[in-house]
Amino acid sequence: MSDIAKEILKIASKAVKKAQKRSLENGIANVYSKNGNIYFQLPDGTITQEQPKEYTT
């Protein structure tokens, strides 16, 4: 991997972590997908596969 690619990944990773932190601070769950499964990281730090009531229609 080139030096520029490494630098871009470093900057992008930092931006994602900042956005994730800000979402949790604002009471918004972070949503992840791993091996086809959806996970929610709730503002209290809990990780669950149960969809929060705020996300149901």
PDB file of N, CA and C in Angstrom:
ATOM      1  N   MET A   1       0.857  -1.176   0.000  1.00  0.00           N
ATOM      2  CA  MET A   1       0.000   0.000   0.000  1.00  0.00           C
ATOM      3  C   MET A   1       0.899   1.234   0.000  1.00  0.00           C
ATOM      4  N   SER A   2       0.535   2.194  -0.821  1.00  0.00           N
ATOM      5  CA  SER A   2       1.349   3.400  -0.934  1.00  0.00           C
ATOM      6  C   SER A   2       1.189   4.275   0.299  1.00  0.00           C
ATOM      7  N   ASP A   3       2.123   5.181   0.475  1.00  0.00           N
ATOM      8  CA  ASP A   3       2.070   6.107   1.614  1.00  0.00           C
ATOM      9  C   ASP A   3       0.821   6.983   1.569  1.00  0.00           C
ATOM     10  N   ILE A   4       0.427   7.415   0.377  1.00  0.00           N
ATOM     11  CA  ILE A   4      -0.755   8.271   0.257  1.00  0.00           C
ATOM     12  C   ILE A   4      -2.017   7.487   0.625  1.00  0.00           C
ATOM     13  N   ALA A   5      -2.088   6.228   0.213  1.00  0.00           N
ATOM     14  CA  ALA A   5      -3.240   5.387   0.562  1.00  0.00           C
ATOM     15  C   ALA A   5      -3.315   5.188   2.074  1.00  0.00           C
ATOM     16  N   LYS A   6      -2.178   4.973   2.706  1.00  0.00           N
ATOM     17  CA  LYS A   6      -2.143   4.811   4.167  1.00  0.00           C
ATOM     18  C   LYS A   6      -2.621   6.084   4.861  1.00  0.00           C
ATOM     19  N   GLU A   7      -2.216   7.223   4.356  1.00  0.00           N
ATOM     20  CA  GLU A   7      -2.610   8.509   4.939  1.00  0.00           C
ATOM     21  C   GLU A   7      -4.111   8.750   4.768  1.00  0.00           C
ATOM     22  N   ILE A   8      -4.642   8.411   3.605  1.00  0.00           N
ATOM     23  CA  ILE A   8      -6.080   8.561   3.363  1.00  0.00           C
ATOM     24  C   ILE A   8      -6.865   7.665   4.313  1.00  0.00           C
ATOM     25  N   LEU A   9      -6.445   6.420   4.484  1.00  0.00           N
ATOM     26  CA  LEU A   9      -7.122   5.503   5.403  1.00  0.00           C
ATOM     27  C   LEU A   9      -7.055   5.999   6.847  1.00  0.00           C
ATOM     28  N   LYS A  10      -5.934   6.574   7.227  1.00  0.00           N
ATOM     29  CA  LYS A  10      -5.767   7.116   8.580  1.00  0.00           C
ATOM     30  C   LYS A  10      -6.744   8.273   8.821  1.00  0.00           C
ATOM     31  N   ILE A  11      -6.838   9.168   7.862  1.00  0.00           N
ATOM     32  CA  ILE A  11      -7.741  10.319   7.975  1.00  0.00           C
ATOM     33  C   ILE A  11      -9.198   9.848   7.992  1.00  0.00           C
ATOM     34  N   ALA A  12      -9.536   8.919   7.113  1.00  0.00           N
ATOM     35  CA  ALA A  12     -10.908   8.404   7.038  1.00  0.00           C
ATOM     36  C   ALA A  12     -11.298   7.689   8.328  1.00  0.00           C
ATOM     37  N   SER A  13     -10.402   6.898   8.867  1.00  0.00           N
ATOM     38  CA  SER A  13     -10.669   6.170  10.114  1.00  0.00           C
ATOM     39  C   SER A  13     -10.928   7.132  11.264  1.00  0.00           C
ATOM     40  N   LYS A  14     -10.126   8.181  11.336  1.00  0.00           N
ATOM     41  CA  LYS A  14     -10.296   9.189  12.382  1.00  0.00           C
ATOM     42  C   LYS A  14     -11.646   9.888  12.242  1.00  0.00           C
ATOM     43  N   ALA A  15     -12.046  10.198  11.009  1.00  0.00           N
ATOM     44  CA  ALA A  15     -13.323  10.870  10.760  1.00  0.00           C
ATOM     45  C   ALA A  15     -14.500   9.966  11.141  1.00  0.00           C
ATOM     46  N   VAL A  16     -14.407   8.683  10.830  1.00  0.00           N
ATOM     47  CA  VAL A  16     -15.478   7.744  11.175  1.00  0.00           C
ATOM     48  C   VAL A  16     -15.620   7.628  12.687  1.00  0.00           C
ATOM     49  N   LYS A  17     -14.513   7.487  13.391  1.00  0.00           N
ATOM     50  CA  LYS A  17     -14.558   7.389  14.856  1.00  0.00           C
ATOM     51  C   LYS A  17     -15.173   8.640  15.478  1.00  0.00           C
ATOM     52  N   LYS A  18     -14.842   9.797  14.929  1.00  0.00           N
ATOM     53  CA  LYS A  18     -15.401  11.056  15.432  1.00  0.00           C
ATOM     54  C   LYS A  18     -16.910  11.101  15.204  1.00  0.00           C
ATOM     55  N   ALA A  19     -17.352  10.687  14.021  1.00  0.00           N
ATOM     56  CA  ALA A  19     -18.784  10.680  13.704  1.00  0.00           C
ATOM     57  C   ALA A  19     -19.537   9.685  14.582  1.00  0.00           C
ATOM     58  N   GLN A  20     -18.946   8.518  14.825  1.00  0.00           N
ATOM     59  CA  GLN A  20     -19.582   7.522  15.680  1.00  0.00           C
ATOM     60  C   GLN A  20     -19.739   8.052  17.104  1.00  0.00           C
ATOM     61  N   LYS A  21     -18.707   8.677  17.611  1.00  0.00           N
ATOM     62  CA  LYS A  21     -18.744   9.235  18.963  1.00  0.00           C
ATOM     63  C   LYS A  21     -19.818  10.316  19.058  1.00  0.00           C
ATOM     64  N   ARG A  22     -19.868  11.186  18.058  1.00  0.00           N
ATOM     65  CA  ARG A  22     -20.841  12.277  18.062  1.00  0.00           C
ATOM     66  C   ARG A  22     -22.271  11.744  17.997  1.00  0.00           C
ATOM     67  N   SER A  23     -22.498  10.701  17.205  1.00  0.00           N
ATOM     68  CA  SER A  23     -23.830  10.096  17.134  1.00  0.00           C
ATOM     69  C   SER A  23     -24.272   9.596  18.501  1.00  0.00           C
ATOM     70  N   LEU A  24     -23.399   8.857  19.167  1.00  0.00           N
ATOM     71  CA  LEU A  24     -23.749   8.315  20.483  1.00  0.00           C
ATOM     72  C   LEU A  24     -24.003   9.436  21.482  1.00  0.00           C
ATOM     73  N   GLU A  25     -23.211  10.486  21.424  1.00  0.00           N
ATOM     74  CA  GLU A  25     -23.403  11.627  22.329  1.00  0.00           C
ATOM     75  C   GLU A  25     -24.748  12.318  22.084  1.00  0.00           C
ATOM     76  N   ASN A  26     -25.250  12.229  20.850  1.00  0.00           N
ATOM     77  CA  ASN A  26     -26.523  12.846  20.493  1.00  0.00           C
ATOM     78  C   ASN A  26     -27.699  11.872  20.616  1.00  0.00           C
ATOM     79  N   GLY A  27     -27.445  10.702  21.216  1.00  0.00           N
ATOM     80  CA  GLY A  27     -28.513   9.740  21.446  1.00  0.00           C
ATOM     81  C   GLY A  27     -28.917   8.918  20.238  1.00  0.00           C
ATOM     82  N   ILE A  28     -28.046   8.840  19.248  1.00  0.00           N
ATOM     83  CA  ILE A  28     -28.340   8.101  18.024  1.00  0.00           C
ATOM     84  C   ILE A  28     -27.492   6.832  17.992  1.00  0.00           C
ATOM     85  N   ALA A  29     -28.149   5.705  17.757  1.00  0.00           N
ATOM     86  CA  ALA A  29     -27.432   4.428  17.701  1.00  0.00           C
ATOM     87  C   ALA A  29     -26.565   4.353  16.441  1.00  0.00           C
ATOM     88  N   ASN A  30     -25.407   3.714  16.584  1.00  0.00           N
ATOM     89  CA  ASN A  30     -24.587   3.399  15.419  1.00  0.00           C
ATOM     90  C   ASN A  30     -25.037   2.037  14.910  1.00  0.00           C
ATOM     91  N   VAL A  31     -25.084   1.868  13.607  1.00  0.00           N
ATOM     92  CA  VAL A  31     -25.543   0.623  13.001  1.00  0.00           C
ATOM     93  C   VAL A  31     -24.390   0.009  12.213  1.00  0.00           C
ATOM     94  N   TYR A  32     -24.189  -1.302  12.449  1.00  0.00           N
ATOM     95  CA  TYR A  32     -23.102  -2.023  11.791  1.00  0.00           C
ATOM     96  C   TYR A  32     -23.643  -3.289  11.152  1.00  0.00           C
ATOM     97  N   SER A  33     -22.957  -3.778  10.163  1.00  0.00           N
ATOM     98  CA  SER A  33     -23.290  -5.049   9.539  1.00  0.00           C
ATOM     99  C   SER A  33     -22.033  -5.918   9.564  1.00  0.00           C
ATOM    100  N   LYS A  34     -22.191  -7.153  10.030  1.00  0.00           N
ATOM    101  CA  LYS A  34     -21.074  -8.091  10.056  1.00  0.00           C
ATOM    102  C   LYS A  34     -21.604  -9.454   9.652  1.00  0.00           C
ATOM    103  N   ASN A  35     -21.013 -10.030   8.627  1.00  0.00           N
ATOM    104  CA  ASN A  35     -21.425 -11.339   8.115  1.00  0.00           C
ATOM    105  C   ASN A  35     -22.924 -11.393   7.818  1.00  0.00           C
ATOM    106  N   GLY A  36     -23.470 -10.302   7.300  1.00  0.00           N
ATOM    107  CA  GLY A  36     -24.870 -10.256   6.934  1.00  0.00           C
ATOM    108  C   GLY A  36     -25.823  -9.997   8.091  1.00  0.00           C
ATOM    109  N   ASN A  37     -25.297  -9.819   9.299  1.00  0.00           N
ATOM    110  CA  ASN A  37     -26.122  -9.530  10.468  1.00  0.00           C
ATOM    111  C   ASN A  37     -26.014  -8.055  10.826  1.00  0.00           C
ATOM    112  N   ILE A  38     -27.137  -7.461  11.247  1.00  0.00           N
ATOM    113  CA  ILE A  38     -27.168  -6.040  11.625  1.00  0.00           C
ATOM    114  C   ILE A  38     -27.035  -5.937  13.140  1.00  0.00           C
ATOM    115  N   TYR A  39     -26.166  -5.041  13.584  1.00  0.00           N
ATOM    116  CA  TYR A  39     -25.955  -4.776  15.003  1.00  0.00           C
ATOM    117  C   TYR A  39     -26.150  -3.287  15.262  1.00  0.00           C
ATOM    118  N   PHE A  40     -26.705  -2.983  16.435  1.00  0.00           N
ATOM    119  CA  PHE A  40     -26.918  -1.605  16.849  1.00  0.00           C
ATOM    120  C   PHE A  40     -26.084  -1.344  18.094  1.00  0.00           C
ATOM    121  N   GLN A  41     -25.297  -0.280  18.070  1.00  0.00           N
ATOM    122  CA  GLN A  41     -24.585   0.165  19.261  1.00  0.00           C
ATOM    123  C   GLN A  41     -25.395   1.325  19.818  1.00  0.00           C
ATOM    124  N   LEU A  42     -26.002   1.080  20.972  1.00  0.00           N
ATOM    125  CA  LEU A  42     -26.867   2.077  21.582  1.00  0.00           C
ATOM    126  C   LEU A  42     -26.050   3.140  22.299  1.00  0.00           C
ATOM    127  N   PRO A  43     -26.637   4.295  22.545  1.00  0.00           N
ATOM    128  CA  PRO A  43     -25.903   5.383  23.205  1.00  0.00           C
ATOM    129  C   PRO A  43     -25.320   5.006  24.575  1.00  0.00           C
ATOM    130  N   ASP A  44     -25.916   4.000  25.257  1.00  0.00           N
ATOM    131  CA  ASP A  44     -25.363   3.578  26.548  1.00  0.00           C
ATOM    132  C   ASP A  44     -24.211   2.583  26.399  1.00  0.00           C
ATOM    133  N   GLY A  45     -23.843   2.262  25.139  1.00  0.00           N
ATOM    134  CA  GLY A  45     -22.733   1.361  24.875  1.00  0.00           C
ATOM    135  C   GLY A  45     -23.149  -0.069  24.593  1.00  0.00           C
ATOM    136  N   THR A  46     -24.408  -0.401  24.842  1.00  0.00           N
ATOM    137  CA  THR A  46     -24.915  -1.747  24.593  1.00  0.00           C
ATOM    138  C   THR A  46     -24.890  -2.044  23.097  1.00  0.00           C
ATOM    139  N   ILE A  47     -24.490  -3.271  22.761  1.00  0.00           N
ATOM    140  CA  ILE A  47     -24.538  -3.726  21.375  1.00  0.00           C
ATOM    141  C   ILE A  47     -25.588  -4.826  21.303  1.00  0.00           C
ATOM    142  N   THR A  48     -26.531  -4.684  20.384  1.00  0.00           N
ATOM    143  CA  THR A  48     -27.649  -5.610  20.284  1.00  0.00           C
ATOM    144  C   THR A  48     -28.049  -5.807  18.836  1.00  0.00           C
ATOM    145  N   GLN A  49     -28.760  -6.902  18.580  1.00  0.00           N
ATOM    146  CA  GLN A  49     -29.333  -7.113  17.253  1.00  0.00           C
ATOM    147  C   GLN A  49     -30.790  -6.694  17.235  1.00  0.00           C
ATOM    148  N   GLU A  50     -31.346  -6.329  18.377  1.00  0.00           N
ATOM    149  CA  GLU A  50     -32.725  -5.865  18.434  1.00  0.00           C
ATOM    150  C   GLU A  50     -32.795  -4.430  17.916  1.00  0.00           C
ATOM    151  N   GLN A  51     -33.701  -4.226  16.977  1.00  0.00           N
ATOM    152  CA  GLN A  51     -33.839  -2.904  16.382  1.00  0.00           C
ATOM    153  C   GLN A  51     -34.461  -1.947  17.400  1.00  0.00           C
ATOM    154  N   PRO A  52     -33.808  -0.811  17.661  1.00  0.00           N
ATOM    155  CA  PRO A  52     -34.385   0.163  18.595  1.00  0.00           C
ATOM    156  C   PRO A  52     -35.736   0.656  18.101  1.00  0.00           C
ATOM    157  N   LYS A  53     -36.628   0.968  19.043  1.00  0.00           N
ATOM    158  CA  LYS A  53     -37.978   1.392  18.672  1.00  0.00           C
ATOM    159  C   LYS A  53     -37.967   2.634  17.799  1.00  0.00           C
ATOM    160  N   GLU A  54     -36.944   3.469  17.905  1.00  0.00           N
ATOM    161  CA  GLU A  54     -36.829   4.686  17.096  1.00  0.00           C
ATOM    162  C   GLU A  54     -36.643   4.355  15.602  1.00  0.00           C
ATOM    163  N   TYR A  55     -36.219   3.134  15.306  1.00  0.00           N
ATOM    164  CA  TYR A  55     -35.938   2.743  13.925  1.00  0.00           C
ATOM    165  C   TYR A  55     -37.076   1.960  13.295  1.00  0.00           C
ATOM    166  N   THR A  56     -38.154   1.707  14.034  1.00  0.00           N
ATOM    167  CA  THR A  56     -39.284   0.978  13.469  1.00  0.00           C
ATOM    168  C   THR A  56     -40.291   1.949  12.882  1.00  0.00           C
ATOM    169  N   THR A  57     -41.005   1.485  11.890  1.00  0.00           N
ATOM    170  CA  THR A  57     -42.001   2.349  11.243  1.00  0.00           C
ATOM    171  C   THR A  57     -43.394   1.880  11.541  1.00  0.00           C
TER     172      THR A  57
END
